[in-house]
PDB file of all heavy atoms in Angstrom:
ATOM      1  N   THR A   1     118.843  82.775 100.717  1.00  0.00           N
ATOM      2  CA  THR A   1     119.482  84.073 100.437  1.00  0.00           C
ATOM      3  C   THR A   1     118.697  85.175 101.132  1.00  0.00           C
ATOM      4  O   THR A   1     117.533  85.016 101.465  1.00  0.00           O
ATOM      5  CB  THR A   1     119.569  84.334  98.946  1.00  0.00           C
ATOM      6  OG1 THR A   1     118.220  84.582  98.470  1.00  0.00           O
ATOM      7  CG2 THR A   1     120.195  83.213  98.189  1.00  0.00           C
ATOM      8  N   ALA A   2     119.354  86.309 101.341  1.00  0.00           N
ATOM      9  CA  ALA A   2     118.683  87.464 101.914  1.00  0.00           C
ATOM     10  C   ALA A   2     117.526  87.867 101.042  1.00  0.00           C
ATOM     11  O   ALA A   2     116.443  88.266 101.544  1.00  0.00           O
ATOM     12  CB  ALA A   2     119.672  88.605 102.107  1.00  0.00           C
ATOM     13  N   THR A   3     117.705  87.857  99.771  1.00  0.00           N
ATOM     14  CA  THR A   3     116.598  88.223  98.830  1.00  0.00           C
ATOM     15  C   THR A   3     115.395  87.297  99.008  1.00  0.00           C
ATOM     16  O   THR A   3     114.222  87.787  99.046  1.00  0.00           O
ATOM     17  CB  THR A   3     117.103  88.169  97.361  1.00  0.00           C
ATOM     18  OG1 THR A   3     118.187  89.108  97.214  1.00  0.00           O
ATOM     19  CG2 THR A   3     115.990  88.500  96.413  1.00  0.00           C
ATOM     20  N   GLN A   4     115.637  86.001  99.140  1.00  0.00           N
ATOM     21  CA  GLN A   4     114.547  85.086  99.342  1.00  0.00           C
ATOM     22  C   GLN A   4     113.823  85.317 100.663  1.00  0.00           C
ATOM     23  O   GLN A   4     112.593  85.280 100.728  1.00  0.00           O
ATOM     24  CB  GLN A   4     115.069  83.625  99.271  1.00  0.00           C
ATOM     25  CG  GLN A   4     115.470  83.199  97.878  1.00  0.00           C
ATOM     26  CD  GLN A   4     116.181  81.859  97.860  1.00  0.00           C
ATOM     27  OE1 GLN A   4     116.865  81.512  98.822  1.00  0.00           O
ATOM     28  NE2 GLN A   4     116.044  81.112  96.778  1.00  0.00           N
ATOM     29  N   LEU A   5     114.589  85.617 101.720  1.00  0.00           N
ATOM     30  CA  LEU A   5     113.953  85.888 103.032  1.00  0.00           C
ATOM     31  C   LEU A   5     113.107  87.145 102.975  1.00  0.00           C
ATOM     32  O   LEU A   5     112.030  87.214 103.580  1.00  0.00           O
ATOM     33  CB  LEU A   5     115.018  85.924 104.132  1.00  0.00           C
ATOM     34  CG  LEU A   5     114.443  86.002 105.557  1.00  0.00           C
ATOM     35  CD1 LEU A   5     113.549  84.807 105.831  1.00  0.00           C
ATOM     36  CD2 LEU A   5     115.567  86.032 106.593  1.00  0.00           C
ATOM     37  N   HIS A   6     113.616  88.197 102.311  1.00  0.00           N
ATOM     38  CA  HIS A   6     112.808  89.393 102.086  1.00  0.00           C
ATOM     39  C   HIS A   6     111.475  89.031 101.388  1.00  0.00           C
ATOM     40  O   HIS A   6     110.402  89.480 101.766  1.00  0.00           O
ATOM     41  CB  HIS A   6     113.566  90.414 101.274  1.00  0.00           C
ATOM     42  CG  HIS A   6     114.494  91.288 102.002  1.00  0.00           C
ATOM     43  ND1 HIS A   6     114.094  92.057 103.079  1.00  0.00           N
ATOM     44  CD2 HIS A   6     115.838  91.578 101.838  1.00  0.00           C
ATOM     45  CE1 HIS A   6     115.130  92.748 103.555  1.00  0.00           C
ATOM     46  NE2 HIS A   6     116.191  92.468 102.805  1.00  0.00           N
ATOM     47  N   GLY A   7     111.596  88.178 100.358  1.00  0.00           N
ATOM     48  CA  GLY A   7     110.425  87.809  99.617  1.00  0.00           C
ATOM     49  C   GLY A   7     109.423  87.010 100.450  1.00  0.00           C
ATOM     50  O   GLY A   7     108.190  87.192 100.334  1.00  0.00           O
ATOM     51  N   ILE A   8     109.906  86.117 101.268  1.00  0.00           N
ATOM     52  CA  ILE A   8     109.021  85.343 102.132  1.00  0.00           C
ATOM     53  C   ILE A   8     108.355  86.260 103.142  1.00  0.00           C
ATOM     54  O   ILE A   8     107.165  86.095 103.472  1.00  0.00           O
ATOM     55  CB  ILE A   8     109.793  84.191 102.831  1.00  0.00           C
ATOM     56  CG1 ILE A   8     110.316  83.210 101.805  1.00  0.00           C
ATOM     57  CG2 ILE A   8     108.944  83.485 103.862  1.00  0.00           C
ATOM     58  CD1 ILE A   8     111.337  82.217 102.302  1.00  0.00           C
ATOM     59  N   ALA A   9     109.097  87.219 103.667  1.00  0.00           N
ATOM     60  CA  ALA A   9     108.519  88.158 104.602  1.00  0.00           C
ATOM     61  C   ALA A   9     107.381  88.952 103.960  1.00  0.00           C
ATOM     62  O   ALA A   9     106.324  89.154 104.549  1.00  0.00           O
ATOM     63  CB  ALA A   9     109.578  89.120 105.109  1.00  0.00           C
ATOM     64  N   ASP A  10     107.604  89.390 102.706  1.00  0.00           N
ATOM     65  CA  ASP A  10     106.558  90.128 101.974  1.00  0.00           C
ATOM     66  C   ASP A  10     105.347  89.195 101.732  1.00  0.00           C
ATOM     67  O   ASP A  10     104.180  89.652 101.886  1.00  0.00           O
ATOM     68  CB  ASP A  10     107.072  90.673 100.669  1.00  0.00           C
ATOM     69  CG  ASP A  10     108.030  91.859 100.853  1.00  0.00           C
ATOM     70  OD1 ASP A  10     107.937  92.537 101.892  1.00  0.00           O
ATOM     71  OD2 ASP A  10     108.850  92.073  99.963  1.00  0.00           O
ATOM     72  N   LEU A  11     105.592  87.964 101.357  1.00  0.00           N
ATOM     73  CA  LEU A  11     104.532  87.015 101.118  1.00  0.00           C
ATOM     74  C   LEU A  11     103.700  86.816 102.348  1.00  0.00           C
ATOM     75  O   LEU A  11     102.441  86.826 102.312  1.00  0.00           O
ATOM     76  CB  LEU A  11     105.138  85.671 100.635  1.00  0.00           C
ATOM     77  CG  LEU A  11     104.275  84.541 100.179  1.00  0.00           C
ATOM     78  CD1 LEU A  11     105.012  83.608  99.251  1.00  0.00           C
ATOM     79  CD2 LEU A  11     103.803  83.709 101.415  1.00  0.00           C
ATOM     80  N   ALA A  12     104.350  86.647 103.507  1.00  0.00           N
ATOM     81  CA  ALA A  12     103.647  86.445 104.760  1.00  0.00           C
ATOM     82  C   ALA A  12     102.825  87.661 105.136  1.00  0.00           C
ATOM     83  O   ALA A  12     101.719  87.554 105.660  1.00  0.00           O
ATOM     84  CB  ALA A  12     104.640  86.099 105.865  1.00  0.00           C
ATOM     85  N   ALA A  13     103.375  88.865 104.884  1.00  0.00           N
ATOM     86  CA  ALA A  13     102.669  90.093 105.223  1.00  0.00           C
ATOM     87  C   ALA A  13     101.506  90.357 104.245  1.00  0.00           C
ATOM     88  O   ALA A  13     100.415  90.796 104.717  1.00  0.00           O
ATOM     89  CB  ALA A  13     103.651  91.277 105.213  1.00  0.00           C
ATOM     90  N   ASP A  14     101.696  90.083 102.978  1.00  0.00           N
ATOM     91  CA  ASP A  14     100.674  90.386 101.983  1.00  0.00           C
ATOM     92  C   ASP A  14      99.530  89.397 101.989  1.00  0.00           C
ATOM     93  O   ASP A  14      98.372  89.769 101.816  1.00  0.00           O
ATOM     94  CB  ASP A  14     101.302  90.409 100.579  1.00  0.00           C
ATOM     95  CG  ASP A  14     102.276  91.545 100.389  1.00  0.00           C
ATOM     96  OD1 ASP A  14     102.282  92.497 101.236  1.00  0.00           O
ATOM     97  OD2 ASP A  14     103.086  91.503  99.437  1.00  0.00           O
ATOM     98  N   TRP A  15      99.841  88.103 102.128  1.00  0.00           N
ATOM     99  CA  TRP A  15      98.825  87.078 101.955  1.00  0.00           C
ATOM    100  C   TRP A  15      98.677  86.089 103.100  1.00  0.00           C
ATOM    101  O   TRP A  15      97.794  85.215 103.088  1.00  0.00           O
ATOM    102  CB  TRP A  15      99.096  86.292 100.668  1.00  0.00           C
ATOM    103  CG  TRP A  15      99.142  87.167  99.462  1.00  0.00           C
ATOM    104  CD1 TRP A  15      98.246  88.173  99.140  1.00  0.00           C
ATOM    105  CD2 TRP A  15     100.092  87.163  98.412  1.00  0.00           C
ATOM    106  NE1 TRP A  15      98.591  88.779  97.961  1.00  0.00           N
ATOM    107  CE2 TRP A  15      99.720  88.178  97.440  1.00  0.00           C
ATOM    108  CE3 TRP A  15     101.230  86.382  98.103  1.00  0.00           C
ATOM    109  CZ2 TRP A  15     100.429  88.400  96.298  1.00  0.00           C
ATOM    110  CZ3 TRP A  15     101.950  86.633  96.953  1.00  0.00           C
ATOM    111  CH2 TRP A  15     101.551  87.640  96.051  1.00  0.00           C
ATOM    112  N   GLY A  16      99.524  86.182 104.118  1.00  0.00           N
ATOM    113  CA  GLY A  16      99.463  85.284 105.269  1.00  0.00           C
ATOM    114  C   GLY A  16      99.187  86.035 106.548  1.00  0.00           C
ATOM    115  O   GLY A  16      98.636  87.116 106.527  1.00  0.00           O
ATOM    116  N   GLY A  17      99.620  85.403 107.655  1.00  0.00           N
ATOM    117  CA  GLY A  17      99.372  86.008 108.951  1.00  0.00           C
ATOM    118  C   GLY A  17     100.456  86.963 109.431  1.00  0.00           C
ATOM    119  O   GLY A  17     100.435  87.344 110.595  1.00  0.00           O
ATOM    120  N   GLY A  18     101.398  87.269 108.562  1.00  0.00           N
ATOM    121  CA  GLY A  18     102.450  88.208 108.875  1.00  0.00           C
ATOM    122  C   GLY A  18     103.616  87.567 109.625  1.00  0.00           C
ATOM    123  O   GLY A  18     104.425  88.276 110.229  1.00  0.00           O
ATOM    124  N   TYR A  19     103.761  86.270 109.550  1.00  0.00           N
ATOM    125  CA  TYR A  19     104.850  85.575 110.250  1.00  0.00           C
ATOM    126  C   TYR A  19     105.150  84.283 109.489  1.00  0.00           C
ATOM    127  O   TYR A  19     104.348  83.814 108.665  1.00  0.00           O
ATOM    128  CB  TYR A  19     104.496  85.264 111.705  1.00  0.00           C
ATOM    129  CG  TYR A  19     103.318  84.303 111.877  1.00  0.00           C
ATOM    130  CD1 TYR A  19     103.489  82.953 111.974  1.00  0.00           C
ATOM    131  CD2 TYR A  19     102.006  84.819 111.873  1.00  0.00           C
ATOM    132  CE1 TYR A  19     102.406  82.097 112.114  1.00  0.00           C
ATOM    133  CE2 TYR A  19     100.897  83.961 111.978  1.00  0.00           C
ATOM    134  CZ  TYR A  19     101.125  82.598 112.100  1.00  0.00           C
ATOM    135  OH  TYR A  19     100.017  81.766 112.202  1.00  0.00           O
ATOM    136  N   ALA A  20     106.291  83.692 109.781  1.00  0.00           N
ATOM    137  CA  ALA A  20     106.653  82.370 109.282  1.00  0.00           C
ATOM    138  C   ALA A  20     107.180  81.552 110.450  1.00  0.00           C
ATOM    139  O   ALA A  20     107.622  82.089 111.479  1.00  0.00           O
ATOM    140  CB  ALA A  20     107.706  82.484 108.186  1.00  0.00           C
ATOM    141  N   GLN A  21     107.187  80.240 110.280  1.00  0.00           N
ATOM    142  CA  GLN A  21     107.700  79.355 111.305  1.00  0.00           C
ATOM    143  C   GLN A  21     108.825  78.495 110.731  1.00  0.00           C
ATOM    144  O   GLN A  21     108.693  77.914 109.646  1.00  0.00           O
ATOM    145  CB  GLN A  21     106.572  78.447 111.819  1.00  0.00           C
ATOM    146  CG  GLN A  21     105.456  79.198 112.508  1.00  0.00           C
ATOM    147  CD  GLN A  21     104.240  78.317 112.764  1.00  0.00           C
ATOM    148  OE1 GLN A  21     103.911  77.465 111.968  1.00  0.00           O
ATOM    149  NE2 GLN A  21     103.581  78.558 113.891  1.00  0.00           N
ATOM    150  N   ILE A  22     109.925  78.400 111.480  1.00  0.00           N
ATOM    151  CA  ILE A  22     111.008  77.493 111.094  1.00  0.00           C
ATOM    152  C   ILE A  22     110.572  76.089 111.624  1.00  0.00           C
ATOM    153  O   ILE A  22     110.128  75.910 112.716  1.00  0.00           O
ATOM    154  CB  ILE A  22     112.347  77.884 111.737  1.00  0.00           C
ATOM    155  CG1 ILE A  22     112.670  79.349 111.385  1.00  0.00           C
ATOM    156  CG2 ILE A  22     113.458  76.960 111.268  1.00  0.00           C
ATOM    157  CD1 ILE A  22     113.916  79.848 112.102  1.00  0.00           C
ATOM    158  N   THR A  23     110.733  75.107 110.774  1.00  0.00           N
ATOM    159  CA  THR A  23     110.293  73.720 111.091  1.00  0.00           C
ATOM    160  C   THR A  23     111.466  72.846 111.487  1.00  0.00           C
ATOM    161  O   THR A  23     112.621  73.236 111.372  1.00  0.00           O
ATOM    162  CB  THR A  23     109.546  73.087 109.929  1.00  0.00           C
ATOM    163  OG1 THR A  23     110.547  72.640 108.943  1.00  0.00           O
ATOM    164  CG2 THR A  23     108.612  74.062 109.245  1.00  0.00           C
ATOM    165  N   THR A  24     111.127  71.644 111.947  1.00  0.00           N
ATOM    166  CA  THR A  24     112.164  70.696 112.334  1.00  0.00           C
ATOM    167  C   THR A  24     112.788  69.996 111.144  1.00  0.00           C
ATOM    168  O   THR A  24     113.562  69.085 111.313  1.00  0.00           O
ATOM    169  CB  THR A  24     111.560  69.609 113.281  1.00  0.00           C
ATOM    170  OG1 THR A  24     110.399  69.029 112.683  1.00  0.00           O
ATOM    171  CG2 THR A  24     111.167  70.237 114.620  1.00  0.00           C
ATOM    172  N   ARG A  25     112.472  70.452 109.943  1.00  0.00           N
ATOM    173  CA  ARG A  25     113.181  70.039 108.738  1.00  0.00           C
ATOM    174  C   ARG A  25     113.937  71.200 108.101  1.00  0.00           C
ATOM    175  O   ARG A  25     114.120  71.265 106.904  1.00  0.00           O
ATOM    176  CB  ARG A  25     112.265  69.345 107.752  1.00  0.00           C
ATOM    177  CG  ARG A  25     111.741  68.037 108.259  1.00  0.00           C
ATOM    178  CD  ARG A  25     111.494  67.022 107.153  1.00  0.00           C
ATOM    179  NE  ARG A  25     112.689  66.658 106.434  1.00  0.00           N
ATOM    180  CZ  ARG A  25     113.655  65.802 106.902  1.00  0.00           C
ATOM    181  NH1 ARG A  25     113.550  65.277 108.123  1.00  0.00           N
ATOM    182  NH2 ARG A  25     114.733  65.538 106.184  1.00  0.00           N
ATOM    183  N   ALA A  26     114.410  72.126 108.953  1.00  0.00           N
ATOM    184  CA  ALA A  26     115.163  73.286 108.513  1.00  0.00           C
ATOM    185  C   ALA A  26     114.465  73.973 107.346  1.00  0.00           C
ATOM    186  O   ALA A  26     115.076  74.193 106.267  1.00  0.00           O
ATOM    187  CB  ALA A  26     116.595  72.822 108.121  1.00  0.00           C
ATOM    188  N   ASN A  27     113.247  74.310 107.567  1.00  0.00           N
ATOM    189  CA  ASN A  27     112.354  74.767 106.488  1.00  0.00           C
ATOM    190  C   ASN A  27     111.518  75.922 107.009  1.00  0.00           C
ATOM    191  O   ASN A  27     111.588  76.250 108.203  1.00  0.00           O
ATOM    192  CB  ASN A  27     111.472  73.580 106.105  1.00  0.00           C
ATOM    193  CG  ASN A  27     110.913  73.683 104.724  1.00  0.00           C
ATOM    194  OD1 ASN A  27     111.197  74.649 103.996  1.00  0.00           O
ATOM    195  ND2 ASN A  27     110.174  72.687 104.326  1.00  0.00           N
ATOM    196  N   LEU A  28     110.720  76.521 106.186  1.00  0.00           N
ATOM    197  CA  LEU A  28     109.802  77.576 106.573  1.00  0.00           C
ATOM    198  C   LEU A  28     108.380  77.253 106.138  1.00  0.00           C
ATOM    199  O   LEU A  28     108.177  76.656 105.077  1.00  0.00           O
ATOM    200  CB  LEU A  28     110.215  78.927 105.993  1.00  0.00           C
ATOM    201  CG  LEU A  28     111.448  79.622 106.578  1.00  0.00           C
ATOM    202  CD1 LEU A  28     111.784  80.854 105.771  1.00  0.00           C
ATOM    203  CD2 LEU A  28     111.229  80.049 108.052  1.00  0.00           C
ATOM    204  N   GLN A  29     107.432  77.679 106.956  1.00  0.00           N
ATOM    205  CA  GLN A  29     106.028  77.580 106.532  1.00  0.00           C
ATOM    206  C   GLN A  29     105.320  78.854 106.962  1.00  0.00           C
ATOM    207  O   GLN A  29     105.614  79.462 107.956  1.00  0.00           O
ATOM    208  CB  GLN A  29     105.333  76.350 107.108  1.00  0.00           C
ATOM    209  CG  GLN A  29     105.458  76.149 108.609  1.00  0.00           C
ATOM    210  CD  GLN A  29     105.034  74.765 109.039  1.00  0.00           C
ATOM    211  OE1 GLN A  29     105.236  73.780 108.353  1.00  0.00           O
ATOM    212  NE2 GLN A  29     104.456  74.677 110.225  1.00  0.00           N
ATOM    213  N   VAL A  30     104.382  79.251 106.062  1.00  0.00           N
ATOM    214  CA  VAL A  30     103.652  80.503 106.283  1.00  0.00           C
ATOM    215  C   VAL A  30     102.154  80.135 106.412  1.00  0.00           C
ATOM    216  O   VAL A  30     101.640  79.371 105.658  1.00  0.00           O
ATOM    217  CB  VAL A  30     103.801  81.478 105.091  1.00  0.00           C
ATOM    218  CG1 VAL A  30     102.965  82.719 105.265  1.00  0.00           C
ATOM    219  CG2 VAL A  30     105.300  81.832 104.881  1.00  0.00           C
ATOM    220  N   ARG A  31     101.510  80.726 107.434  1.00  0.00           N
ATOM    221  CA  ARG A  31     100.143  80.359 107.761  1.00  0.00           C
ATOM    222  C   ARG A  31      99.141  81.486 107.464  1.00  0.00           C
ATOM    223  O   ARG A  31      99.525  82.578 107.112  1.00  0.00           O
ATOM    224  CB  ARG A  31     100.049  79.983 109.234  1.00  0.00           C
ATOM    225  CG  ARG A  31     100.755  78.679 109.559  1.00  0.00           C
ATOM    226  CD  ARG A  31     100.640  78.292 110.997  1.00  0.00           C
ATOM    227  NE  ARG A  31     101.135  76.897 111.175  1.00  0.00           N
ATOM    228  CZ  ARG A  31     100.398  75.801 110.994  1.00  0.00           C
ATOM    229  NH1 ARG A  31      99.108  75.930 110.687  1.00  0.00           N
ATOM    230  NH2 ARG A  31     100.964  74.636 111.137  1.00  0.00           N
ATOM    231  N   GLU A  32      97.842  81.116 107.647  1.00  0.00           N
ATOM    232  CA  GLU A  32      96.724  82.022 107.553  1.00  0.00           C
ATOM    233  C   GLU A  32      96.603  82.646 106.154  1.00  0.00           C
ATOM    234  O   GLU A  32      96.404  83.856 105.996  1.00  0.00           O
ATOM    235  CB  GLU A  32      96.845  83.143 108.643  1.00  0.00           C
ATOM    236  CG  GLU A  32      96.875  82.582 110.058  1.00  0.00           C
ATOM    237  CD  GLU A  32      96.928  83.656 111.123  1.00  0.00           C
ATOM    238  OE1 GLU A  32      96.182  84.652 111.019  1.00  0.00           O
ATOM    239  OE2 GLU A  32      97.768  83.523 112.044  1.00  0.00           O
ATOM    240  N   ILE A  33      96.667  81.764 105.180  1.00  0.00           N
ATOM    241  CA  ILE A  33      96.513  82.134 103.754  1.00  0.00           C
ATOM    242  C   ILE A  33      95.080  81.836 103.309  1.00  0.00           C
ATOM    243  O   ILE A  33      94.654  80.721 103.417  1.00  0.00           O
ATOM    244  CB  ILE A  33      97.529  81.415 102.885  1.00  0.00           C
ATOM    245  CG1 ILE A  33      98.961  81.743 103.349  1.00  0.00           C
ATOM    246  CG2 ILE A  33      97.391  81.747 101.404  1.00  0.00           C
ATOM    247  CD1 ILE A  33     100.054  80.857 102.725  1.00  0.00           C
ATOM    248  N   ALA A  34      94.399  82.828 102.759  1.00  0.00           N
ATOM    249  CA  ALA A  34      93.065  82.606 102.250  1.00  0.00           C
ATOM    250  C   ALA A  34      93.110  81.851 100.924  1.00  0.00           C
ATOM    251  O   ALA A  34      94.098  81.923 100.210  1.00  0.00           O
ATOM    252  CB  ALA A  34      92.349  83.959 102.064  1.00  0.00           C
ATOM    253  N   PRO A  35      92.020  81.118 100.581  1.00  0.00           N
ATOM    254  CA  PRO A  35      92.044  80.345  99.320  1.00  0.00           C
ATOM    255  C   PRO A  35      92.297  81.250  98.090  1.00  0.00           C
ATOM    256  O   PRO A  35      92.939  80.828  97.148  1.00  0.00           O
ATOM    257  CB  PRO A  35      90.671  79.755  99.253  1.00  0.00           C
ATOM    258  CG  PRO A  35      90.147  79.724 100.636  1.00  0.00           C
ATOM    259  CD  PRO A  35      90.821  80.854 101.344  1.00  0.00           C
ATOM    260  N   ALA A  36      91.839  82.483  98.154  1.00  0.00           N
ATOM    261  CA  ALA A  36      91.995  83.382  97.022  1.00  0.00           C
ATOM    262  C   ALA A  36      93.458  83.649  96.688  1.00  0.00           C
ATOM    263  O   ALA A  36      93.808  84.046  95.564  1.00  0.00           O
ATOM    264  CB  ALA A  36      91.275  84.706  97.273  1.00  0.00           C
ATOM    265  N   HIS A  37      94.388  83.402  97.639  1.00  0.00           N
ATOM    266  CA  HIS A  37      95.757  83.766  97.454  1.00  0.00           C
ATOM    267  C   HIS A  37      96.707  82.592  97.156  1.00  0.00           C
ATOM    268  O   HIS A  37      97.901  82.800  96.958  1.00  0.00           O
ATOM    269  CB  HIS A  37      96.288  84.490  98.715  1.00  0.00           C
ATOM    270  CG  HIS A  37      95.537  85.720  99.060  1.00  0.00           C
ATOM    271  ND1 HIS A  37      95.099  86.636  98.144  1.00  0.00           N
ATOM    272  CD2 HIS A  37      95.106  86.164 100.264  1.00  0.00           C
ATOM    273  CE1 HIS A  37      94.466  87.632  98.757  1.00  0.00           C
ATOM    274  NE2 HIS A  37      94.441  87.382 100.051  1.00  0.00           N
ATOM    275  N   ILE A  38      96.166  81.351  97.107  1.00  0.00           N
ATOM    276  CA  ILE A  38      97.039  80.226  97.021  1.00  0.00           C
ATOM    277  C   ILE A  38      97.879  80.213  95.729  1.00  0.00           C
ATOM    278  O   ILE A  38      99.065  79.849  95.755  1.00  0.00           O
ATOM    279  CB  ILE A  38      96.320  78.898  97.234  1.00  0.00           C
ATOM    280  CG1 ILE A  38      95.212  78.676  96.180  1.00  0.00           C
ATOM    281  CG2 ILE A  38      95.763  78.782  98.610  1.00  0.00           C
ATOM    282  CD1 ILE A  38      94.532  77.325  96.264  1.00  0.00           C
ATOM    283  N   VAL A  39      97.278  80.573  94.627  1.00  0.00           N
ATOM    284  CA  VAL A  39      98.044  80.554  93.350  1.00  0.00           C
ATOM    285  C   VAL A  39      99.079  81.679  93.313  1.00  0.00           C
ATOM    286  O   VAL A  39     100.219  81.454  92.926  1.00  0.00           O
ATOM    287  CB  VAL A  39      97.078  80.652  92.177  1.00  0.00           C
ATOM    288  CG1 VAL A  39      97.863  80.881  90.872  1.00  0.00           C
ATOM    289  CG2 VAL A  39      96.238  79.425  92.027  1.00  0.00           C
ATOM    290  N   LYS A  40      98.703  82.835  93.855  1.00  0.00           N
ATOM    291  CA  LYS A  40      99.692  83.937  93.937  1.00  0.00           C
ATOM    292  C   LYS A  40     100.873  83.546  94.818  1.00  0.00           C
ATOM    293  O   LYS A  40     102.031  83.891  94.499  1.00  0.00           O
ATOM    294  CB  LYS A  40      98.997  85.194  94.471  1.00  0.00           C
ATOM    295  CG  LYS A  40      98.006  85.815  93.499  1.00  0.00           C
ATOM    296  CD  LYS A  40      97.404  87.089  94.073  1.00  0.00           C
ATOM    297  CE  LYS A  40      96.360  86.816  95.146  1.00  0.00           C
ATOM    298  NZ  LYS A  40      95.652  88.047  95.538  1.00  0.00           N
ATOM    299  N   VAL A  41     100.611  82.797  95.885  1.00  0.00           N
ATOM    300  CA  VAL A  41     101.684  82.365  96.779  1.00  0.00           C
ATOM    301  C   VAL A  41     102.631  81.410  96.041  1.00  0.00           C
ATOM    302  O   VAL A  41     103.860  81.573  96.070  1.00  0.00           O
ATOM    303  CB  VAL A  41     101.087  81.672  98.012  1.00  0.00           C
ATOM    304  CG1 VAL A  41     102.166  80.881  98.781  1.00  0.00           C
ATOM    305  CG2 VAL A  41     100.486  82.711  98.969  1.00  0.00           C
ATOM    306  N   LEU A  42     102.067  80.445  95.287  1.00  0.00           N
ATOM    307  CA  LEU A  42     102.921  79.483  94.582  1.00  0.00           C
ATOM    308  C   LEU A  42     103.753  80.176  93.511  1.00  0.00           C
ATOM    309  O   LEU A  42     104.924  79.852  93.306  1.00  0.00           O
ATOM    310  CB  LEU A  42     102.060  78.394  93.972  1.00  0.00           C
ATOM    311  CG  LEU A  42     101.260  77.507  94.973  1.00  0.00           C
ATOM    312  CD1 LEU A  42     100.504  76.436  94.199  1.00  0.00           C
ATOM    313  CD2 LEU A  42     102.203  76.874  95.970  1.00  0.00           C
ATOM    314  N   VAL A  43     103.099  81.107  92.795  1.00  0.00           N
ATOM    315  CA  VAL A  43     103.843  81.862  91.763  1.00  0.00           C
ATOM    316  C   VAL A  43     104.957  82.723  92.373  1.00  0.00           C
ATOM    317  O   VAL A  43     106.064  82.776  91.870  1.00  0.00           O
ATOM    318  CB  VAL A  43     102.884  82.686  90.926  1.00  0.00           C
ATOM    319  CG1 VAL A  43     103.650  83.611  89.979  1.00  0.00           C
ATOM    320  CG2 VAL A  43     101.943  81.791  90.143  1.00  0.00           C
ATOM    321  N   ARG A  44     104.668  83.368  93.490  1.00  0.00           N
ATOM    322  CA  ARG A  44     105.679  84.195  94.160  1.00  0.00           C
ATOM    323  C   ARG A  44     106.901  83.337  94.586  1.00  0.00           C
ATOM    324  O   ARG A  44     108.029  83.756  94.431  1.00  0.00           O
ATOM    325  CB  ARG A  44     105.085  84.918  95.363  1.00  0.00           C
ATOM    326  CG  ARG A  44     106.076  85.735  96.168  1.00  0.00           C
ATOM    327  CD  ARG A  44     106.548  86.995  95.464  1.00  0.00           C
ATOM    328  NE  ARG A  44     105.464  87.917  95.285  1.00  0.00           N
ATOM    329  CZ  ARG A  44     105.040  88.809  96.187  1.00  0.00           C
ATOM    330  NH1 ARG A  44     105.622  88.885  97.384  1.00  0.00           N
ATOM    331  NH2 ARG A  44     104.070  89.650  95.928  1.00  0.00           N
TER     332      ARG A  44
END
């Protein structure tokens, strides 16, 4: 949904490298996350 994509964009900007990658399983992954943020990412 558009709401989910907005949320992933915020997650990537707040706790990742500011980008996401579409994968070959029609999926998304977000990189450059510090250990301090992993629980916040899962909860978000």
